[in-house]
Protein backbone atom coordinates (compact mmCIF):
# COMPACT_ATOMS: atom_id res chain seq x y z
CA MET A 1 122.69 118.43 57.61
CA LEU A 2 121.55 120.56 60.51
CA LYS A 3 123.76 120.91 63.56
CA SER A 4 121.90 120.56 66.84
CA GLU A 5 122.61 123.42 69.23
CA ALA A 6 120.60 121.92 72.06
CA VAL A 7 119.60 118.28 72.16
CA GLY A 8 117.62 115.96 69.94
CA LEU A 9 115.42 113.03 70.84
CA GLY A 10 118.18 110.74 69.68
CA GLY A 11 120.72 111.63 72.35
CA LEU A 12 121.63 113.59 75.46
CA ARG A 13 124.20 116.33 75.79
CA ASP A 14 126.69 116.12 78.65
CA GLY A 15 124.46 113.58 80.38
CA GLN A 16 122.35 116.33 81.92
CA TYR A 17 119.05 115.60 80.21
CA GLU A 18 116.57 112.89 81.15
CA ARG A 19 113.49 111.52 79.49
CA GLY A 20 110.05 112.42 80.79
CA LEU A 21 106.53 111.58 79.74
CA LEU A 22 103.06 113.11 80.03
CA LEU A 23 100.23 110.68 79.26
CA GLU A 24 96.51 111.43 79.23
CA TYR A 25 94.78 109.09 81.70
CA ALA A 26 91.27 108.68 80.34
CA LEU A 27 88.92 106.47 78.37
CA THR A 28 89.56 107.87 74.92
CA PRO A 29 90.39 106.26 71.56
CA GLN A 30 93.53 108.37 71.15
CA PRO A 31 95.09 109.46 74.47
CA LEU A 32 97.46 112.41 74.31
CA VAL A 33 101.12 111.46 74.74
CA LEU A 34 104.10 113.79 75.09
CA PRO A 35 107.60 112.31 75.47
CA PHE A 36 110.23 114.96 76.13
CA LEU A 37 113.75 115.65 77.34
CA PHE A 38 114.42 117.89 80.30
CA ASN A 39 117.08 118.78 82.81
CA PRO A 40 115.91 117.50 86.24
CA SER A 41 117.74 120.39 87.90
CA THR A 42 115.15 122.75 86.40
CA ILE A 43 112.29 121.16 88.39
CA ARG A 44 110.79 123.50 90.96
CA ARG A 45 108.36 121.84 93.38
CA THR A 46 106.06 124.06 95.43
CA ARG A 47 104.12 122.94 98.51
CA SER A 48 102.37 125.28 100.92
CA VAL A 49 100.28 124.94 104.07
CA THR A 50 97.93 127.56 105.48
CA VAL A 51 97.65 127.53 109.29
CA LYS A 52 94.40 128.91 110.67
CA THR A 53 94.45 130.70 114.03
CA GLY A 54 91.43 132.89 113.52
CA GLY A 55 93.27 136.00 114.61
CA THR A 56 92.98 135.01 118.27
CA PRO A 57 95.05 137.27 120.58
CA GLY A 58 98.21 135.49 121.71
CA ALA A 59 97.97 132.93 118.90
CA ARG A 60 100.33 134.47 116.38
CA GLY A 61 101.51 131.64 114.17
CA GLY A 62 99.64 128.95 116.14
CA TYR A 63 98.15 128.05 119.52
CA GLY A 64 100.27 127.31 122.58
CA PHE A 65 101.47 123.88 123.75
CA ALA A 66 103.77 122.55 126.46
CA ARG A 67 104.08 118.82 125.72
CA PRO A 68 104.21 116.66 122.56
CA ASP A 69 100.70 115.35 123.21
CA GLU A 70 99.42 118.95 123.10
CA THR A 71 100.89 119.82 119.70
CA PRO A 72 97.72 118.89 117.73
CA ARG A 73 96.04 121.96 119.20
CA ALA A 74 98.84 124.22 117.97
CA SER A 75 96.95 124.34 114.68
CA GLN A 76 93.20 124.12 115.19
CA GLY A 77 92.86 123.73 111.44
CA VAL A 78 95.22 123.64 108.48
CA THR A 79 94.72 123.79 104.74
CA VAL A 80 97.25 121.85 102.69
CA ASN A 81 97.47 123.22 99.18
CA ALA A 82 98.11 120.87 96.26
CA GLU A 83 101.76 120.54 95.25
CA SER A 84 102.77 122.07 91.94
CA PHE A 85 105.68 121.50 89.58
CA SER A 86 107.32 123.74 87.04
CA PHE A 87 110.19 122.79 84.75
CA MET A 88 111.60 123.47 81.32
CA ILE A 89 111.48 120.91 78.52
CA LEU A 90 113.31 120.87 75.20
CA LEU A 91 111.57 120.22 71.90
CA ASP A 92 114.08 119.62 69.12
CA ALA A 93 113.46 117.91 65.78
CA THR A 94 117.03 118.32 64.49
CA ASP A 95 118.09 114.69 64.80
CA ARG A 96 114.91 113.45 63.13
CA MET A 97 115.27 115.99 60.35
CA ASN A 98 118.83 114.81 59.72
CA LYS A 99 117.42 111.30 59.36
CA GLN A 100 114.93 112.61 56.77
CA ASP A 101 111.91 111.96 58.95
CA PRO A 102 109.04 113.37 56.83
CA ILE A 103 106.97 114.68 59.75
CA ALA A 104 109.92 116.42 61.38
CA THR A 105 111.12 117.77 58.02
CA ASN A 106 107.74 119.31 57.19
CA MET A 107 106.39 120.21 60.65
CA GLY A 108 109.36 120.32 63.03
CA VAL A 109 108.12 120.24 66.62
CA GLN A 110 104.69 121.69 65.83
CA PRO A 111 103.02 118.33 66.65
CA GLU A 112 104.53 118.37 70.15
CA ILE A 113 103.37 121.95 70.64
CA ASP A 114 99.89 120.94 69.49
CA VAL A 115 99.87 118.13 72.06
CA ILE A 116 100.72 120.60 74.84
CA ARG A 117 98.02 123.03 73.74
CA THR A 118 95.45 120.24 73.48
CA MET A 119 96.35 119.00 76.97
CA LEU A 120 95.35 122.45 78.23
CA GLU A 121 92.05 122.52 76.33
CA PRO A 122 88.85 121.50 78.18
CA LYS A 123 87.30 118.21 77.11
CA ILE A 124 83.78 116.79 76.95
CA ASN A 125 83.05 113.75 79.11
CA SER A 126 80.58 111.94 76.88
CA GLN A 127 79.27 108.41 76.52
CA GLN A 128 81.99 107.82 73.92
CA GLY A 129 84.67 108.75 76.42
CA LEU A 130 86.75 111.89 76.73
CA GLN A 131 86.58 114.00 73.58
CA ASP A 132 88.04 117.30 72.41
CA ILE A 133 85.55 120.15 72.12
CA SER A 134 84.87 120.95 68.49
CA ILE A 135 84.59 124.70 67.88
CA ALA A 136 84.13 124.33 64.12
CA SER A 137 80.40 125.03 64.44
CA GLY A 138 81.11 128.30 66.21
CA GLU A 139 78.66 127.36 68.96
CA ARG A 140 79.86 127.01 72.55
CA LYS A 141 77.36 126.14 75.23
CA ALA A 142 77.74 126.73 78.93
CA ALA A 143 80.25 124.56 80.76
CA PHE A 144 77.60 122.62 82.66
CA ALA A 145 75.84 121.73 79.41
CA HIS A 146 79.05 120.45 77.88
CA HIS A 147 80.24 118.72 81.08
CA GLU A 148 83.66 120.20 80.40
CA VAL A 149 86.58 118.67 82.23
CA ALA A 150 90.35 119.04 82.28
CA SER A 151 92.67 116.28 81.12
CA VAL A 152 94.08 114.12 83.90
CA LEU A 153 97.70 113.46 83.01
CA LEU A 154 100.30 111.05 84.36
CA PHE A 155 103.67 112.74 84.79
CA LYS A 156 106.43 110.13 84.67
CA TRP A 157 110.13 110.75 85.18
CA GLY A 158 112.59 108.18 86.42
CA LYS A 159 110.69 105.81 88.73
CA GLN A 160 108.20 108.44 89.85
CA VAL A 161 104.65 108.76 88.54
CA LEU A 162 102.16 111.43 89.63
CA PRO A 163 98.62 112.30 88.51
CA VAL A 164 98.50 115.97 87.48
CA PHE A 165 96.64 118.74 85.72
CA MET A 166 98.60 120.98 83.37
CA THR A 167 97.77 124.51 84.48
CA GLN A 168 100.13 126.57 82.33
CA ALA A 169 102.54 126.28 79.42
CA GLN A 170 104.95 128.94 78.18
CA ILE A 171 106.47 128.07 74.80
CA ASP A 172 109.43 129.91 73.28
CA THR A 173 110.35 129.20 69.66
CA LYS A 174 114.10 129.07 69.06
CA ALA A 175 114.37 128.14 65.37
CA ASN A 176 111.91 127.85 62.46
CA LEU A 177 111.62 126.00 59.18
CA PRO A 178 111.11 128.00 55.96
CA ASN A 179 107.35 127.37 56.33
CA LEU A 180 107.59 128.98 59.81
CA PHE A 181 106.85 125.79 61.71
CA PRO A 182 109.32 125.66 64.64
CA TYR A 183 111.86 122.85 64.73
CA ARG A 184 113.41 123.86 68.03
CA ALA A 185 111.60 125.26 71.05
CA GLU A 186 111.65 125.42 74.84
CA ALA A 187 108.57 125.12 77.01
CA ILE A 188 108.05 125.81 80.70
CA LEU A 189 105.27 123.58 81.99
CA THR A 190 103.38 124.03 85.25
CA LEU A 191 101.61 120.98 86.67
CA GLN A 192 99.36 120.61 89.71
CA VAL A 193 99.37 117.27 91.51
CA ILE A 194 95.93 115.68 91.98
CA GLU A 195 96.12 114.76 95.67
CA THR A 196 92.86 112.86 95.95
CA ASP A 197 91.68 109.29 96.49
CA ASN A 198 93.20 107.82 93.34
CA PRO A 199 95.49 104.78 92.99
CA VAL A 200 98.42 106.62 91.40
CA TYR A 201 98.70 109.26 94.11
CA LYS A 202 98.11 106.70 96.89
CA LEU A 203 101.21 104.75 95.81
CA GLU A 204 103.33 107.90 95.74
CA GLN A 205 101.97 109.04 99.11
CA GLN A 206 102.78 105.67 100.70
CA ARG A 207 106.30 105.74 99.26
CA GLN A 208 106.88 109.30 100.41
CA GLN A 209 105.64 108.77 103.95
CA LYS A 210 107.55 105.51 104.41
CA THR A 211 110.79 107.09 103.21
CA ALA A 212 110.29 110.17 105.38
CA ARG A 213 109.54 108.20 108.57
CA ASN A 214 112.55 105.91 108.07
CA PHE A 215 114.96 108.64 107.01
CA VAL A 216 116.66 109.05 110.39
CA PHE A 217 117.56 105.34 110.34
CA THR A 218 118.37 104.84 106.65
CA ALA A 219 120.54 107.98 106.56
CA GLY A 220 122.64 106.75 109.48
CA LEU A 221 122.10 109.91 111.52
CA PRO A 222 123.47 109.91 115.11
CA THR A 223 120.85 108.85 117.64
CA ASP A 224 121.48 111.85 119.89
CA ILE A 225 120.05 114.10 117.16
CA LEU A 226 116.61 113.22 118.57
CA LYS A 227 117.46 114.51 122.02
CA PHE A 228 116.42 118.02 123.06
């Protein structure tokens, strides 16, 4: 019997880990699926805005305004960069190995690592749907000839769902089987939100904006906080 030093898929340690899911959103016979455990406190969300002033004298940081109705001219143009996420996930086959699961016993968490790597690989958008690029022939044509695309993934945790691209994965092996397949690993995933005209992001955007606009009322803040 192996003793789990981290956490297995069968249980949480100290109640600090939650379940998450990455699901390939595409017409494909076998969509990629990665269930995982992670500590929500490791999530780092990054959002940035670039304000354009064109280097105009006297416009450092934005153009001037005197009244609320003049504030739109404070930024003659802005670029909102797509939000990104980074967080650490745990991959641990210990519990399944203790239950004599044949896949976990022979391969540990290598299948999960293969899913992550395949999510990062470009795909071919063909008449048969999204397909992995076969490099067995040793021939790789130009991207435009292959119509290569990235996997659109749905990142689900709790009640939140976002459409994302996986842009980076750092995987650290913590323990190996005798055949050198890892049975415990940590991975830091970086995801970029797809903030376009798609139904998944629209729902999240509506939820976010409604919550933000109503915050002052739902939080019970004193009304004089709005006075300047």
